[in-house]
């Protein structure tokens, strides 16, 4: 069993930056992928960014050029650097770890961007 703990969320003005962290209780080096998702009330959870075991990354079009996902296998942590934040980025952000066949989710961290 792996536990994921997100941190770094908060309230920021539009145009500002935040860095989210997701610390895993176990090794992430063998994980197929790790990703950040976000969810707003009444909507489905959606992919924001993903990083594969080999380092390849994938981003939702709405965050390309503004967000950067990275992982530090030595710290068992994945990060999401969020720059040029917009009010529409407001959501609860969740970390996901894919260690097939197991999938793990964090508890979420709130990001609120004021206009």
PDB file of N, CA and C in Angstrom:
ATOM      1  N   UNK A   1       0.838  -1.181   0.000  1.00  0.00           N
ATOM      2  CA  UNK A   1       0.000   0.000   0.000  1.00  0.00           C
ATOM      3  C   UNK A   1       0.880   1.241   0.000  1.00  0.00           C
ATOM      4  N   UNK A   2       0.577   2.161  -0.894  1.00  0.00           N
ATOM      5  CA  UNK A   2       1.334   3.407  -0.992  1.00  0.00           C
ATOM      6  C   UNK A   2       0.411   4.558  -0.644  1.00  0.00           C
ATOM      7  N   UNK A   3       0.883   5.460   0.164  1.00  0.00           N
ATOM      8  CA  UNK A   3       0.114   6.664   0.478  1.00  0.00           C
ATOM      9  C   UNK A   3       0.733   7.859  -0.222  1.00  0.00           C
ATOM     10  N   UNK A   4      -0.132   8.717  -0.743  1.00  0.00           N
ATOM     11  CA  UNK A   4       0.302   9.937  -1.415  1.00  0.00           C
ATOM     12  C   UNK A   4      -0.188  11.135  -0.626  1.00  0.00           C
ATOM     13  N   UNK A   5       0.697  12.063  -0.391  1.00  0.00           N
ATOM     14  CA  UNK A   5       0.335  13.263   0.360  1.00  0.00           C
ATOM     15  C   UNK A   5       0.685  14.486  -0.472  1.00  0.00           C
ATOM     16  N   UNK A   6      -0.356  15.224  -0.858  1.00  0.00           N
ATOM     17  CA  UNK A   6      -0.141  16.446  -1.630  1.00  0.00           C
ATOM     18  C   UNK A   6       0.034  17.640  -0.691  1.00  0.00           C
ATOM     19  N   UNK A   7       0.764  18.612  -1.178  1.00  0.00           N
ATOM     20  CA  UNK A   7       0.929  19.866  -0.440  1.00  0.00           C
ATOM     21  C   UNK A   7       1.241  20.973  -1.431  1.00  0.00           C
ATOM     22  N   UNK A   8       1.142  22.207  -0.958  1.00  0.00           N
ATOM     23  CA  UNK A   8       1.519  23.345  -1.783  1.00  0.00           C
ATOM     24  C   UNK A   8       0.357  24.141  -2.334  1.00  0.00           C
ATOM     25  N   UNK A   9      -0.854  23.667  -2.117  1.00  0.00           N
ATOM     26  CA  UNK A   9      -2.008  24.418  -2.589  1.00  0.00           C
ATOM     27  C   UNK A   9      -2.225  25.667  -1.764  1.00  0.00           C
ATOM     28  N   UNK A  10      -3.146  26.500  -2.225  1.00  0.00           N
ATOM     29  CA  UNK A  10      -3.450  27.714  -1.488  1.00  0.00           C
ATOM     30  C   UNK A  10      -4.163  28.722  -2.350  1.00  0.00           C
ATOM     31  N   UNK A  11      -4.181  29.959  -1.845  1.00  0.00           N
ATOM     32  CA  UNK A  11      -4.826  31.068  -2.535  1.00  0.00           C
ATOM     33  C   UNK A  11      -3.758  31.949  -3.164  1.00  0.00           C
ATOM     34  N   UNK A  12      -3.943  32.253  -4.444  1.00  0.00           N
ATOM     35  CA  UNK A  12      -2.976  33.080  -5.161  1.00  0.00           C
ATOM     36  C   UNK A  12      -3.724  33.987  -6.124  1.00  0.00           C
ATOM     37  N   UNK A  13      -3.153  35.129  -6.401  1.00  0.00           N
ATOM     38  CA  UNK A  13      -3.759  36.033  -7.382  1.00  0.00           C
ATOM     39  C   UNK A  13      -3.458  35.572  -8.798  1.00  0.00           C
ATOM     40  N   UNK A  14      -4.315  35.942  -9.692  1.00  0.00           N
ATOM     41  CA  UNK A  14      -4.100  35.627 -11.104  1.00  0.00           C
ATOM     42  C   UNK A  14      -2.732  36.145 -11.536  1.00  0.00           C
ATOM     43  N   UNK A  15      -2.027  35.306 -12.294  1.00  0.00           N
ATOM     44  CA  UNK A  15      -0.684  35.636 -12.725  1.00  0.00           C
ATOM     45  C   UNK A  15       0.396  35.117 -11.807  1.00  0.00           C
ATOM     46  N   UNK A  16      -0.005  34.647 -10.646  1.00  0.00           N
ATOM     47  CA  UNK A  16       0.947  34.141  -9.678  1.00  0.00           C
ATOM     48  C   UNK A  16       1.346  32.699  -9.938  1.00  0.00           C
ATOM     49  N   UNK A  17       2.135  32.163  -9.010  1.00  0.00           N
ATOM     50  CA  UNK A  17       2.667  30.802  -9.152  1.00  0.00           C
ATOM     51  C   UNK A  17       2.472  30.010  -7.871  1.00  0.00           C
ATOM     52  N   UNK A  18       2.369  28.716  -8.041  1.00  0.00           N
ATOM     53  CA  UNK A  18       2.363  27.761  -6.938  1.00  0.00           C
ATOM     54  C   UNK A  18       3.113  26.526  -7.383  1.00  0.00           C
ATOM     55  N   UNK A  19       3.700  25.826  -6.420  1.00  0.00           N
ATOM     56  CA  UNK A  19       4.294  24.531  -6.720  1.00  0.00           C
ATOM     57  C   UNK A  19       3.661  23.489  -5.828  1.00  0.00           C
ATOM     58  N   UNK A  20       3.024  22.522  -6.462  1.00  0.00           N
ATOM     59  CA  UNK A  20       2.430  21.410  -5.729  1.00  0.00           C
ATOM     60  C   UNK A  20       3.445  20.277  -5.613  1.00  0.00           C
ATOM     61  N   UNK A  21       3.388  19.596  -4.483  1.00  0.00           N
ATOM     62  CA  UNK A  21       4.239  18.428  -4.260  1.00  0.00           C
ATOM     63  C   UNK A  21       3.364  17.240  -3.904  1.00  0.00           C
ATOM     64  N   UNK A  22       3.788  16.088  -4.330  1.00  0.00           N
ATOM     65  CA  UNK A  22       3.102  14.842  -3.985  1.00  0.00           C
ATOM     66  C   UNK A  22       4.162  13.857  -3.519  1.00  0.00           C
ATOM     67  N   UNK A  23       4.164  13.597  -2.230  1.00  0.00           N
ATOM     68  CA  UNK A  23       5.150  12.701  -1.643  1.00  0.00           C
ATOM     69  C   UNK A  23       4.544  11.320  -1.458  1.00  0.00           C
ATOM     70  N   UNK A  24       5.231  10.310  -1.967  1.00  0.00           N
ATOM     71  CA  UNK A  24       4.779   8.930  -1.847  1.00  0.00           C
ATOM     72  C   UNK A  24       5.479   8.244  -0.696  1.00  0.00           C
ATOM     73  N   UNK A  25       4.750   7.345  -0.034  1.00  0.00           N
ATOM     74  CA  UNK A  25       5.328   6.622   1.103  1.00  0.00           C
ATOM     75  C   UNK A  25       6.237   5.490   0.661  1.00  0.00           C
ATOM     76  N   UNK A  26       6.172   5.141  -0.629  1.00  0.00           N
ATOM     77  CA  UNK A  26       7.023   4.105  -1.176  1.00  0.00           C
ATOM     78  C   UNK A  26       7.734   4.586  -2.422  1.00  0.00           C
ATOM     79  N   UNK A  27       8.531   3.703  -2.975  1.00  0.00           N
ATOM     80  CA  UNK A  27       9.304   4.067  -4.167  1.00  0.00           C
ATOM     81  C   UNK A  27       8.398   4.347  -5.363  1.00  0.00           C
ATOM     82  N   UNK A  28       8.771   5.376  -6.109  1.00  0.00           N
ATOM     83  CA  UNK A  28       8.038   5.684  -7.335  1.00  0.00           C
ATOM     84  C   UNK A  28       8.858   5.359  -8.577  1.00  0.00           C
ATOM     85  N   UNK A  29      10.063   4.865  -8.377  1.00  0.00           N
ATOM     86  CA  UNK A  29      10.952   4.662  -9.520  1.00  0.00           C
ATOM     87  C   UNK A  29      10.405   3.654 -10.513  1.00  0.00           C
ATOM     88  N   UNK A  30       9.609   2.699 -10.025  1.00  0.00           N
ATOM     89  CA  UNK A  30       9.055   1.681 -10.926  1.00  0.00           C
ATOM     90  C   UNK A  30       7.665   2.030 -11.413  1.00  0.00           C
ATOM     91  N   UNK A  31       7.160   3.190 -10.993  1.00  0.00           N
ATOM     92  CA  UNK A  31       5.809   3.575 -11.403  1.00  0.00           C
ATOM     93  C   UNK A  31       5.745   3.779 -12.908  1.00  0.00           C
ATOM     94  N   UNK A  32       4.683   3.278 -13.500  1.00  0.00           N
ATOM     95  CA  UNK A  32       4.476   3.468 -14.936  1.00  0.00           C
ATOM     96  C   UNK A  32       4.300   4.949 -15.248  1.00  0.00           C
ATOM     97  N   UNK A  33       3.535   5.606 -14.394  1.00  0.00           N
ATOM     98  CA  UNK A  33       3.270   7.022 -14.611  1.00  0.00           C
ATOM     99  C   UNK A  33       2.806   7.653 -13.316  1.00  0.00           C
ATOM    100  N   UNK A  34       3.032   8.945 -13.236  1.00  0.00           N
ATOM    101  CA  UNK A  34       2.451   9.733 -12.162  1.00  0.00           C
ATOM    102  C   UNK A  34       1.812  10.949 -12.795  1.00  0.00           C
ATOM    103  N   UNK A  35       0.716  11.381 -12.206  1.00  0.00           N
ATOM    104  CA  UNK A  35       0.018  12.493 -12.825  1.00  0.00           C
ATOM    105  C   UNK A  35      -0.668  13.383 -11.821  1.00  0.00           C
ATOM    106  N   UNK A  36      -1.021  14.549 -12.311  1.00  0.00           N
ATOM    107  CA  UNK A  36      -1.825  15.505 -11.555  1.00  0.00           C
ATOM    108  C   UNK A  36      -3.157  15.672 -12.276  1.00  0.00           C
ATOM    109  N   UNK A  37      -4.214  15.600 -11.505  1.00  0.00           N
ATOM    110  CA  UNK A  37      -5.570  15.783 -12.004  1.00  0.00           C
ATOM    111  C   UNK A  37      -6.209  16.912 -11.196  1.00  0.00           C
ATOM    112  N   UNK A  38      -7.293  17.459 -11.720  1.00  0.00           N
ATOM    113  CA  UNK A  38      -8.015  18.469 -10.967  1.00  0.00           C
ATOM    114  C   UNK A  38      -9.515  18.281 -11.143  1.00  0.00           C
ATOM    115  N   UNK A  39     -10.226  18.762 -10.157  1.00  0.00           N
ATOM    116  CA  UNK A  39     -11.665  18.584 -10.167  1.00  0.00           C
ATOM    117  C   UNK A  39     -12.333  19.801  -9.557  1.00  0.00           C
ATOM    118  N   UNK A  40     -13.404  20.259 -10.217  1.00  0.00           N
ATOM    119  CA  UNK A  40     -14.231  21.338  -9.698  1.00  0.00           C
ATOM    120  C   UNK A  40     -15.610  20.769  -9.375  1.00  0.00           C
ATOM    121  N   UNK A  41     -16.346  21.418  -8.505  1.00  0.00           N
ATOM    122  CA  UNK A  41     -17.660  20.889  -8.095  1.00  0.00           C
ATOM    123  C   UNK A  41     -18.570  20.613  -9.276  1.00  0.00           C
ATOM    124  N   UNK A  42     -19.149  19.424  -9.277  1.00  0.00           N
ATOM    125  CA  UNK A  42     -20.081  19.034 -10.318  1.00  0.00           C
ATOM    126  C   UNK A  42     -19.443  18.541 -11.593  1.00  0.00           C
ATOM    127  N   UNK A  43     -18.118  18.499 -11.619  1.00  0.00           N
ATOM    128  CA  UNK A  43     -17.415  18.061 -12.823  1.00  0.00           C
ATOM    129  C   UNK A  43     -16.550  16.847 -12.548  1.00  0.00           C
ATOM    130  N   UNK A  44     -16.206  16.162 -13.630  1.00  0.00           N
ATOM    131  CA  UNK A  44     -15.346  15.001 -13.497  1.00  0.00           C
ATOM    132  C   UNK A  44     -13.899  15.425 -13.280  1.00  0.00           C
ATOM    133  N   UNK A  45     -13.158  14.532 -12.665  1.00  0.00           N
ATOM    134  CA  UNK A  45     -11.733  14.773 -12.495  1.00  0.00           C
ATOM    135  C   UNK A  45     -11.073  14.719 -13.875  1.00  0.00           C
ATOM    136  N   UNK A  46     -10.195  15.690 -14.154  1.00  0.00           N
ATOM    137  CA  UNK A  46      -9.568  15.742 -15.460  1.00  0.00           C
ATOM    138  C   UNK A  46      -8.044  15.772 -15.321  1.00  0.00           C
ATOM    139  N   UNK A  47      -7.412  15.204 -16.322  1.00  0.00           N
ATOM    140  CA  UNK A  47      -5.950  15.164 -16.334  1.00  0.00           C
ATOM    141  C   UNK A  47      -5.390  16.557 -16.587  1.00  0.00           C
ATOM    142  N   UNK A  48      -4.406  16.925 -15.785  1.00  0.00           N
ATOM    143  CA  UNK A  48      -3.686  18.181 -15.979  1.00  0.00           C
ATOM    144  C   UNK A  48      -2.325  17.906 -16.607  1.00  0.00           C
ATOM    145  N   UNK A  49      -1.591  16.979 -16.014  1.00  0.00           N
ATOM    146  CA  UNK A  49      -0.253  16.670 -16.512  1.00  0.00           C
ATOM    147  C   UNK A  49       0.136  15.269 -16.062  1.00  0.00           C
ATOM    148  N   UNK A  50       0.967  14.628 -16.857  1.00  0.00           N
ATOM    149  CA  UNK A  50       1.406  13.273 -16.559  1.00  0.00           C
ATOM    150  C   UNK A  50       2.873  13.148 -16.919  1.00  0.00           C
ATOM    151  N   UNK A  51       3.591  12.357 -16.133  1.00  0.00           N
ATOM    152  CA  UNK A  51       4.985  12.064 -16.443  1.00  0.00           C
ATOM    153  C   UNK A  51       5.167  10.560 -16.395  1.00  0.00           C
ATOM    154  N   UNK A  52       5.735  10.008 -17.455  1.00  0.00           N
ATOM    155  CA  UNK A  52       5.921   8.573 -17.563  1.00  0.00           C
ATOM    156  C   UNK A  52       7.256   8.160 -16.956  1.00  0.00           C
ATOM    157  N   UNK A  53       7.418   6.860 -16.797  1.00  0.00           N
ATOM    158  CA  UNK A  53       8.624   6.338 -16.157  1.00  0.00           C
ATOM    159  C   UNK A  53       9.896   6.800 -16.866  1.00  0.00           C
ATOM    160  N   UNK A  54       9.832   6.881 -18.193  1.00  0.00           N
ATOM    161  CA  UNK A  54      11.003   7.291 -18.952  1.00  0.00           C
ATOM    162  C   UNK A  54      11.229   8.790 -18.982  1.00  0.00           C
ATOM    163  N   UNK A  55      10.303   9.540 -18.387  1.00  0.00           N
ATOM    164  CA  UNK A  55      10.458  10.984 -18.332  1.00  0.00           C
ATOM    165  C   UNK A  55       9.603  11.751 -19.313  1.00  0.00           C
ATOM    166  N   UNK A  56       8.931  11.055 -20.212  1.00  0.00           N
ATOM    167  CA  UNK A  56       8.056  11.745 -21.153  1.00  0.00           C
ATOM    168  C   UNK A  56       6.902  12.397 -20.386  1.00  0.00           C
ATOM    169  N   UNK A  57       6.496  13.556 -20.866  1.00  0.00           N
ATOM    170  CA  UNK A  57       5.419  14.283 -20.207  1.00  0.00           C
ATOM    171  C   UNK A  57       4.268  14.556 -21.169  1.00  0.00           C
ATOM    172  N   UNK A  58       3.110  14.760 -20.587  1.00  0.00           N
ATOM    173  CA  UNK A  58       1.922  15.063 -21.366  1.00  0.00           C
ATOM    174  C   UNK A  58       1.103  16.079 -20.586  1.00  0.00           C
ATOM    175  N   UNK A  59       0.584  17.083 -21.276  1.00  0.00           N
ATOM    176  CA  UNK A  59      -0.158  18.145 -20.622  1.00  0.00           C
ATOM    177  C   UNK A  59      -1.498  18.379 -21.302  1.00  0.00           C
ATOM    178  N   UNK A  60      -2.463  18.784 -20.496  1.00  0.00           N
ATOM    179  CA  UNK A  60      -3.704  19.266 -21.066  1.00  0.00           C
ATOM    180  C   UNK A  60      -3.406  20.566 -21.804  1.00  0.00           C
ATOM    181  N   UNK A  61      -4.128  20.788 -22.897  1.00  0.00           N
ATOM    182  CA  UNK A  61      -3.874  21.977 -23.713  1.00  0.00           C
ATOM    183  C   UNK A  61      -4.008  23.266 -22.918  1.00  0.00           C
ATOM    184  N   UNK A  62      -4.883  23.266 -21.948  1.00  0.00           N
ATOM    185  CA  UNK A  62      -5.161  24.502 -21.204  1.00  0.00           C
ATOM    186  C   UNK A  62      -4.001  24.938 -20.308  1.00  0.00           C
ATOM    187  N   UNK A  63      -3.057  24.029 -20.044  1.00  0.00           N
ATOM    188  CA  UNK A  63      -1.948  24.373 -19.139  1.00  0.00           C
ATOM    189  C   UNK A  63      -0.594  24.337 -19.826  1.00  0.00           C
ATOM    190  N   UNK A  64      -0.564  23.946 -21.081  1.00  0.00           N
ATOM    191  CA  UNK A  64       0.712  23.876 -21.805  1.00  0.00           C
ATOM    192  C   UNK A  64       1.403  25.237 -21.807  1.00  0.00           C
ATOM    193  N   UNK A  65       2.690  25.213 -21.508  1.00  0.00           N
ATOM    194  CA  UNK A  65       3.458  26.454 -21.468  1.00  0.00           C
ATOM    195  C   UNK A  65       3.386  27.168 -20.133  1.00  0.00           C
ATOM    196  N   UNK A  66       2.483  26.745 -19.269  1.00  0.00           N
ATOM    197  CA  UNK A  66       2.350  27.389 -17.960  1.00  0.00           C
ATOM    198  C   UNK A  66       2.708  26.440 -16.810  1.00  0.00           C
ATOM    199  N   UNK A  67       2.381  25.176 -16.955  1.00  0.00           N
ATOM    200  CA  UNK A  67       2.622  24.188 -15.906  1.00  0.00           C
ATOM    201  C   UNK A  67       3.754  23.256 -16.322  1.00  0.00           C
ATOM    202  N   UNK A  68       4.498  22.790 -15.342  1.00  0.00           N
ATOM    203  CA  UNK A  68       5.568  21.828 -15.591  1.00  0.00           C
ATOM    204  C   UNK A  68       5.515  20.735 -14.531  1.00  0.00           C
ATOM    205  N   UNK A  69       5.463  19.496 -14.997  1.00  0.00           N
ATOM    206  CA  UNK A  69       5.480  18.350 -14.085  1.00  0.00           C
ATOM    207  C   UNK A  69       6.883  17.770 -14.058  1.00  0.00           C
ATOM    208  N   UNK A  70       7.303  17.339 -12.881  1.00  0.00           N
ATOM    209  CA  UNK A  70       8.617  16.715 -12.749  1.00  0.00           C
ATOM    210  C   UNK A  70       8.556  15.692 -11.625  1.00  0.00           C
ATOM    211  N   UNK A  71       9.532  14.813 -11.599  1.00  0.00           N
ATOM    212  CA  UNK A  71       9.577  13.801 -10.536  1.00  0.00           C
ATOM    213  C   UNK A  71      10.988  13.665 -10.023  1.00  0.00           C
ATOM    214  N   UNK A  72      11.114  13.402  -8.758  1.00  0.00           N
ATOM    215  CA  UNK A  72      12.407  13.150  -8.119  1.00  0.00           C
ATOM    216  C   UNK A  72      12.313  11.771  -7.487  1.00  0.00           C
ATOM    217  N   UNK A  73      12.884  10.788  -8.162  1.00  0.00           N
ATOM    218  CA  UNK A  73      12.792   9.414  -7.657  1.00  0.00           C
ATOM    219  C   UNK A  73      13.546   9.234  -6.346  1.00  0.00           C
ATOM    220  N   UNK A  74      14.546  10.055  -6.108  1.00  0.00           N
ATOM    221  CA  UNK A  74      15.305   9.919  -4.857  1.00  0.00           C
ATOM    222  C   UNK A  74      14.483  10.364  -3.658  1.00  0.00           C
ATOM    223  N   UNK A  75      13.514  11.244  -3.903  1.00  0.00           N
ATOM    224  CA  UNK A  75      12.644  11.730  -2.834  1.00  0.00           C
ATOM    225  C   UNK A  75      11.241  11.147  -2.919  1.00  0.00           C
ATOM    226  N   UNK A  76      11.023  10.286  -3.918  1.00  0.00           N
ATOM    227  CA  UNK A  76       9.696   9.697  -4.128  1.00  0.00           C
ATOM    228  C   UNK A  76       8.617  10.771  -4.198  1.00  0.00           C
ATOM    229  N   UNK A  77       8.919  11.810  -4.949  1.00  0.00           N
ATOM    230  CA  UNK A  77       8.044  12.968  -5.008  1.00  0.00           C
ATOM    231  C   UNK A  77       7.852  13.421  -6.453  1.00  0.00           C
ATOM    232  N   UNK A  78       6.629  13.820  -6.754  1.00  0.00           N
ATOM    233  CA  UNK A  78       6.338  14.424  -8.050  1.00  0.00           C
ATOM    234  C   UNK A  78       5.848  15.848  -7.784  1.00  0.00           C
ATOM    235  N   UNK A  79       6.217  16.744  -8.693  1.00  0.00           N
ATOM    236  CA  UNK A  79       5.910  18.156  -8.507  1.00  0.00           C
ATOM    237  C   UNK A  79       5.071  18.679  -9.671  1.00  0.00           C
ATOM    238  N   UNK A  80       4.354  19.736  -9.409  1.00  0.00           N
ATOM    239  CA  UNK A  80       3.665  20.460 -10.466  1.00  0.00           C
ATOM    240  C   UNK A  80       3.920  21.944 -10.237  1.00  0.00           C
ATOM    241  N   UNK A  81       4.775  22.502 -11.084  1.00  0.00           N
ATOM    242  CA  UNK A  81       5.041  23.932 -11.031  1.00  0.00           C
ATOM    243  C   UNK A  81       3.990  24.636 -11.876  1.00  0.00           C
ATOM    244  N   UNK A  82       3.259  25.531 -11.251  1.00  0.00           N
ATOM    245  CA  UNK A  82       2.158  26.214 -11.936  1.00  0.00           C
ATOM    246  C   UNK A  82       2.459  27.709 -11.991  1.00  0.00           C
ATOM    247  N   UNK A  83       2.641  28.211 -13.187  1.00  0.00           N
ATOM    248  CA  UNK A  83       2.919  29.631 -13.395  1.00  0.00           C
ATOM    249  C   UNK A  83       1.782  30.289 -14.163  1.00  0.00           C
ATOM    250  N   UNK A  84       1.755  31.602 -14.124  1.00  0.00           N
ATOM    251  CA  UNK A  84       0.725  32.366 -14.851  1.00  0.00           C
ATOM    252  C   UNK A  84      -0.663  31.817 -14.569  1.00  0.00           C
ATOM    253  N   UNK A  85      -0.940  31.619 -13.312  1.00  0.00           N
ATOM    254  CA  UNK A  85      -2.215  31.015 -12.929  1.00  0.00           C
ATOM    255  C   UNK A  85      -3.389  31.901 -13.303  1.00  0.00           C
ATOM    256  N   UNK A  86      -4.488  31.228 -13.651  1.00  0.00           N
ATOM    257  CA  UNK A  86      -5.721  31.897 -14.057  1.00  0.00           C
ATOM    258  C   UNK A  86      -6.857  31.477 -13.128  1.00  0.00           C
ATOM    259  N   UNK A  87      -7.887  32.295 -13.007  1.00  0.00           N
ATOM    260  CA  UNK A  87      -9.020  31.896 -12.153  1.00  0.00           C
ATOM    261  C   UNK A  87      -9.608  30.541 -12.546  1.00  0.00           C
ATOM    262  N   UNK A  88      -9.568  30.208 -13.826  1.00  0.00           N
ATOM    263  CA  UNK A  88     -10.117  28.920 -14.253  1.00  0.00           C
ATOM    264  C   UNK A  88      -9.251  27.733 -13.853  1.00  0.00           C
ATOM    265  N   UNK A  89      -8.086  27.989 -13.285  1.00  0.00           N
ATOM    266  CA  UNK A  89      -7.272  26.901 -12.733  1.00  0.00           C
ATOM    267  C   UNK A  89      -7.726  26.514 -11.332  1.00  0.00           C
ATOM    268  N   UNK A  90      -8.660  27.264 -10.779  1.00  0.00           N
ATOM    269  CA  UNK A  90      -9.165  26.957  -9.443  1.00  0.00           C
ATOM    270  C   UNK A  90      -9.811  25.576  -9.424  1.00  0.00           C
ATOM    271  N   UNK A  91      -9.363  24.734  -8.500  1.00  0.00           N
ATOM    272  CA  UNK A  91      -9.848  23.359  -8.413  1.00  0.00           C
ATOM    273  C   UNK A  91      -9.159  22.668  -7.242  1.00  0.00           C
ATOM    274  N   UNK A  92      -9.629  21.467  -6.957  1.00  0.00           N
ATOM    275  CA  UNK A  92      -8.881  20.580  -6.070  1.00  0.00           C
ATOM    276  C   UNK A  92      -7.964  19.747  -6.956  1.00  0.00           C
ATOM    277  N   UNK A  93      -6.698  19.753  -6.626  1.00  0.00           N
ATOM    278  CA  UNK A  93      -5.701  19.034  -7.415  1.00  0.00           C
ATOM    279  C   UNK A  93      -5.333  17.734  -6.717  1.00  0.00           C
ATOM    280  N   UNK A  94      -5.349  16.654  -7.492  1.00  0.00           N
ATOM    281  CA  UNK A  94      -5.070  15.326  -6.969  1.00  0.00           C
ATOM    282  C   UNK A  94      -3.851  14.727  -7.667  1.00  0.00           C
ATOM    283  N   UNK A  95      -3.086  14.002  -6.902  1.00  0.00           N
ATOM    284  CA  UNK A  95      -1.946  13.270  -7.421  1.00  0.00           C
ATOM    285  C   UNK A  95      -2.356  11.814  -7.636  1.00  0.00           C
ATOM    286  N   UNK A  96      -1.885  11.225  -8.713  1.00  0.00           N
ATOM    287  CA  UNK A  96      -2.191   9.832  -9.023  1.00  0.00           C
ATOM    288  C   UNK A  96      -0.912   9.084  -9.337  1.00  0.00           C
ATOM    289  N   UNK A  97      -0.820   7.897  -8.774  1.00  0.00           N
ATOM    290  CA  UNK A  97       0.334   7.028  -9.008  1.00  0.00           C
ATOM    291  C   UNK A  97      -0.140   5.737  -9.650  1.00  0.00           C
ATOM    292  N   UNK A  98       0.436   5.411 -10.786  1.00  0.00           N
ATOM    293  CA  UNK A  98       0.102   4.181 -11.491  1.00  0.00           C
ATOM    294  C   UNK A  98       1.258   3.196 -11.340  1.00  0.00           C
ATOM    295  N   UNK A  99       1.050   2.219 -10.463  1.00  0.00           N
ATOM    296  CA  UNK A  99       2.001   1.118 -10.316  1.00  0.00           C
ATOM    297  C   UNK A  99       1.224  -0.149 -10.642  1.00  0.00           C
ATOM    298  N   UNK A 100       0.951  -0.252 -11.918  1.00  0.00           N
ATOM    299  CA  UNK A 100       0.084  -1.324 -12.390  1.00  0.00           C
ATOM    300  C   UNK A 100       0.432  -2.662 -11.753  1.00  0.00           C
ATOM    301  N   UNK A 101      -0.590  -3.383 -11.235  1.00  0.00           N
ATOM    302  CA  UNK A 101      -2.016  -3.130 -11.446  1.00  0.00           C
ATOM    303  C   UNK A 101      -2.657  -2.195 -10.432  1.00  0.00           C
ATOM    304  N   UNK A 102      -1.871  -1.628  -9.548  1.00  0.00           N
ATOM    305  CA  UNK A 102      -2.433  -0.775  -8.504  1.00  0.00           C
ATOM    306  C   UNK A 102      -2.424   0.687  -8.945  1.00  0.00           C
ATOM    307  N   UNK A 103      -3.485   1.380  -8.563  1.00  0.00           N
ATOM    308  CA  UNK A 103      -3.612   2.821  -8.771  1.00  0.00           C
ATOM    309  C   UNK A 103      -3.819   3.469  -7.415  1.00  0.00           C
ATOM    310  N   UNK A 104      -3.091   4.549  -7.164  1.00  0.00           N
ATOM    311  CA  UNK A 104      -3.200   5.242  -5.886  1.00  0.00           C
ATOM    312  C   UNK A 104      -3.524   6.711  -6.142  1.00  0.00           C
ATOM    313  N   UNK A 105      -4.340   7.281  -5.233  1.00  0.00           N
ATOM    314  CA  UNK A 105      -4.702   8.698  -5.302  1.00  0.00           C
ATOM    315  C   UNK A 105      -4.362   9.376  -3.980  1.00  0.00           C
ATOM    316  N   UNK A 106      -3.997  10.626  -4.071  1.00  0.00           N
ATOM    317  CA  UNK A 106      -3.830  11.426  -2.877  1.00  0.00           C
ATOM    318  C   UNK A 106      -5.170  12.000  -2.445  1.00  0.00           C
ATOM    319  N   UNK A 107      -5.127  12.755  -1.358  1.00  0.00           N
ATOM    320  CA  UNK A 107      -6.368  13.272  -0.781  1.00  0.00           C
ATOM    321  C   UNK A 107      -6.795  14.590  -1.413  1.00  0.00           C
ATOM    322  N   UNK A 108      -5.908  15.201  -2.172  1.00  0.00           N
ATOM    323  CA  UNK A 108      -6.235  16.446  -2.857  1.00  0.00           C
ATOM    324  C   UNK A 108      -5.764  17.671  -2.109  1.00  0.00           C
ATOM    325  N   UNK A 109      -5.472  18.715  -2.871  1.00  0.00           N
ATOM    326  CA  UNK A 109      -5.102  19.997  -2.286  1.00  0.00           C
ATOM    327  C   UNK A 109      -5.804  21.099  -3.073  1.00  0.00           C
ATOM    328  N   UNK A 110      -6.367  22.040  -2.353  1.00  0.00           N
ATOM    329  CA  UNK A 110      -7.160  23.098  -2.980  1.00  0.00           C
ATOM    330  C   UNK A 110      -6.255  24.186  -3.541  1.00  0.00           C
ATOM    331  N   UNK A 111      -6.516  24.556  -4.773  1.00  0.00           N
ATOM    332  CA  UNK A 111      -5.856  25.700  -5.400  1.00  0.00           C
ATOM    333  C   UNK A 111      -6.943  26.695  -5.781  1.00  0.00           C
ATOM    334  N   UNK A 112      -6.807  27.906  -5.291  1.00  0.00           N
ATOM    335  CA  UNK A 112      -7.776  28.957  -5.585  1.00  0.00           C
ATOM    336  C   UNK A 112      -7.041  30.155  -6.170  1.00  0.00           C
ATOM    337  N   UNK A 113      -7.473  30.565  -7.352  1.00  0.00           N
ATOM    338  CA  UNK A 113      -6.843  31.692  -8.041  1.00  0.00           C
ATOM    339  C   UNK A 113      -7.861  32.826  -8.110  1.00  0.00           C
ATOM    340  N   UNK A 114      -7.525  33.929  -7.490  1.00  0.00           N
ATOM    341  CA  UNK A 114      -8.437  35.077  -7.477  1.00  0.00           C
ATOM    342  C   UNK A 114      -8.128  36.009  -8.644  1.00  0.00           C
ATOM    343  N   UNK A 115      -9.182  36.653  -9.124  1.00  0.00           N
ATOM    344  CA  UNK A 115      -9.010  37.555 -10.279  1.00  0.00           C
ATOM    345  C   UNK A 115      -8.695  38.975  -9.824  1.00  0.00           C
TER     346      UNK A 115
END
